[in-house]
C-alpha cells in the first residue's frame, strides 16, 4: 500500500522548500529569535503545499536575480569566485607584506653602508688628526710618550 500521490508531492515540496531555504533563495529561518525562527520564514504547512509549489519557481528566480544573478550563473559559480577572490586577497596581503619587508631591508642596508663608510674614513681622519696634532715635520722623530709604571 503506497502513500497517496498528494502526500508524496507534499513531502517533495517540503524538501524543495527546505533546500531553497538552506541555499538562501527562499525565506527561511534566521535564528535571531530565541525560538530559532523568524516571522519571515515561509511555513509550508501554513501556505499549503499547493500554493507553495505553485509560486516557488517564481520566488526562487526573483530572489536569485535580486541577490546575484548578474555576477554569478549559479551557487557553485558564486562559491568558486568567492574562493578565488579570497585567495587573491591573501596573495595581495602577502605581496604587500613582502614589499614592506624588502623596503625595510633596503633601508637597513643603506644605513649599514653609511656605517661602513664612516668606519673606513675614521682611521684616515684619526691618522690625519694625529699627524696635525703632533707637530711632526717630515724627517723628524716622533715624540716618545712615557708609559705609566706598573707593578711588574
Protein backbone atom coordinates (compact mmCIF):
# COMPACT_ATOMS: atom_id res chain seq x y z
CA UNK A 1 0.00 0.00 0.00
CA UNK A 2 1.67 3.14 -1.28
CA UNK A 3 1.06 6.57 0.21
CA UNK A 4 -1.23 8.72 -1.90
CA UNK A 5 0.39 10.86 -4.62
CA UNK A 6 -0.76 14.01 -2.85
CA UNK A 7 1.25 13.01 0.26
CA UNK A 8 4.37 12.28 -1.85
CA UNK A 9 4.17 15.60 -3.68
CA UNK A 10 3.63 17.43 -0.37
CA UNK A 11 6.75 15.77 1.07
CA UNK A 12 8.75 16.60 -2.04
CA UNK A 13 7.57 20.22 -1.90
CA UNK A 14 8.60 20.48 1.75
CA UNK A 15 12.03 19.09 0.88
CA UNK A 16 12.48 21.51 -2.01
CA UNK A 17 11.40 24.44 0.16
CA UNK A 18 13.83 23.41 2.89
CA UNK A 19 16.63 23.10 0.29
CA UNK A 20 15.79 26.55 -1.14
CA UNK A 21 15.84 27.97 2.41
CA UNK A 22 19.22 26.40 3.14
CA UNK A 23 20.63 27.75 -0.14
CA UNK A 24 19.21 31.15 0.73
CA UNK A 25 16.88 31.81 -2.19
CA UNK A 26 13.65 31.25 -0.28
CA UNK A 27 12.70 32.87 3.03
CA UNK A 28 13.95 30.64 5.81
CA UNK A 29 14.91 30.56 9.47
CA UNK A 30 17.34 33.24 10.59
CA UNK A 31 17.98 32.01 14.12
CA UNK A 32 17.85 35.54 15.50
CA UNK A 33 14.99 34.86 17.88
CA UNK A 34 15.03 32.72 20.99
CA UNK A 35 12.90 30.03 19.37
CA UNK A 36 15.18 29.90 16.30
CA UNK A 37 12.70 31.14 13.70
CA UNK A 38 11.68 34.47 12.33
CA UNK A 39 8.35 35.80 11.06
CA UNK A 40 9.76 35.99 7.51
CA UNK A 41 10.05 32.22 7.35
CA UNK A 42 7.79 30.58 4.81
CA UNK A 43 5.98 27.76 6.54
CA UNK A 44 4.92 25.10 4.05
CA UNK A 45 2.18 23.91 6.39
CA UNK A 46 0.71 27.41 6.65
CA UNK A 47 1.00 28.23 2.95
CA UNK A 48 -0.25 24.89 1.88
CA UNK A 49 1.98 22.81 -0.34
CA UNK A 50 -0.07 23.51 -3.46
CA UNK A 51 0.34 27.29 -3.19
CA UNK A 52 3.96 26.92 -2.14
CA UNK A 53 4.77 24.67 -5.11
CA UNK A 54 2.85 26.93 -7.50
CA UNK A 55 4.89 30.07 -6.87
CA UNK A 56 8.19 28.52 -5.77
CA UNK A 57 9.87 28.81 -9.16
CA UNK A 58 8.95 32.49 -9.38
CA UNK A 59 10.08 33.20 -5.80
CA UNK A 60 13.40 31.38 -6.18
CA UNK A 61 14.12 33.10 -9.52
CA UNK A 62 13.23 36.53 -8.08
CA UNK A 63 15.41 36.01 -5.00
CA UNK A 64 18.35 34.84 -7.15
CA UNK A 65 18.05 37.81 -9.52
CA UNK A 66 17.90 40.26 -6.61
CA UNK A 67 20.96 38.80 -4.94
CA UNK A 68 23.48 37.95 -7.60
CA UNK A 69 22.32 36.60 -10.94
CA UNK A 70 24.24 39.31 -12.80
CA UNK A 71 27.55 38.32 -11.27
CA UNK A 72 27.16 34.54 -11.00
CA UNK A 73 25.47 31.83 -13.09
CA UNK A 74 24.67 29.61 -10.12
CA UNK A 75 25.57 28.88 -6.49
CA UNK A 76 28.65 26.81 -7.35
CA UNK A 77 29.95 29.58 -9.63
CA UNK A 78 29.43 32.06 -6.79
CA UNK A 79 31.30 29.86 -4.30
CA UNK A 80 34.19 29.30 -6.73
CA UNK A 81 34.54 33.02 -7.45
CA UNK A 82 34.32 33.83 -3.75
CA UNK A 83 37.12 31.33 -3.06
CA UNK A 84 39.18 32.80 -5.92
CA UNK A 85 38.64 36.29 -4.51
CA UNK A 86 39.69 35.14 -1.02
CA UNK A 87 42.86 33.52 -2.38
CA UNK A 88 43.61 36.64 -4.43
CA UNK A 89 43.17 38.84 -1.36
CA UNK A 90 45.51 36.64 0.68
CA UNK A 91 48.09 36.83 -2.11
CA UNK A 92 47.77 40.62 -2.23
CA UNK A 93 48.26 40.85 1.55
CA UNK A 94 51.31 38.57 1.30
CA UNK A 95 52.75 40.65 -1.52
CA UNK A 96 52.29 43.86 0.48
CA UNK A 97 53.99 42.25 3.48
CA UNK A 98 56.93 41.08 1.35
CA UNK A 99 57.27 44.52 -0.25
CA UNK A 100 57.32 46.25 3.13
CA UNK A 101 59.91 43.77 4.42
CA UNK A 102 62.02 44.38 1.31
CA UNK A 103 61.83 48.15 1.83
CA UNK A 104 62.88 47.71 5.45
CA UNK A 105 65.85 45.55 4.41
CA UNK A 106 66.87 48.09 1.73
CA UNK A 107 66.73 50.86 4.32
CA UNK A 108 68.80 48.85 6.80
CA UNK A 109 71.33 48.09 4.03
CA UNK A 110 71.70 51.80 3.30
CA UNK A 111 72.24 52.51 6.99
CA UNK A 112 74.91 49.80 7.19
CA UNK A 113 76.62 51.21 4.09
CA UNK A 114 76.84 54.59 5.83
CA UNK A 115 78.25 52.97 8.97
CA UNK A 116 80.89 51.08 6.98
CA UNK A 117 81.87 54.19 5.01
CA UNK A 118 82.24 56.21 8.23
CA UNK A 119 84.34 53.47 9.80
CA UNK A 120 86.57 53.32 6.72
CA UNK A 121 87.09 57.08 6.89
CA UNK A 122 87.79 57.12 10.63
CA UNK A 123 91.34 55.63 10.52
CA UNK A 124 92.28 58.15 7.84
CA UNK A 125 90.81 61.02 9.85
CA UNK A 126 92.47 59.73 13.02
CA UNK A 127 95.84 59.48 11.29
CA UNK A 128 95.48 62.98 9.85
CA UNK A 129 94.44 64.46 13.18
CA UNK A 130 97.33 62.71 14.95
CA UNK A 131 99.78 63.98 12.36
CA UNK A 132 98.46 67.55 12.69
CA UNK A 133 98.33 67.39 16.49
CA UNK A 134 101.86 66.03 16.95
CA UNK A 135 103.54 68.90 15.16
CA UNK A 136 105.73 66.43 13.30
CA UNK A 137 107.62 67.56 10.31
CA UNK A 138 108.95 65.14 7.75
CA UNK A 139 112.26 63.63 8.73
CA UNK A 140 111.89 64.15 12.48
CA UNK A 141 111.50 61.51 15.14
CA UNK A 142 108.10 61.07 16.76
CA UNK A 143 107.82 62.16 20.37
CA UNK A 144 108.06 59.37 22.87
CA UNK A 145 105.28 59.23 25.39
CA UNK A 146 106.41 57.77 28.70
CA UNK A 147 104.44 54.76 29.86
CA UNK A 148 102.97 54.70 33.34
CA UNK A 149 104.78 52.48 35.79
CA UNK A 150 103.11 49.21 36.54
CA UNK A 151 103.61 46.83 39.40
CA UNK A 152 105.72 44.37 37.38
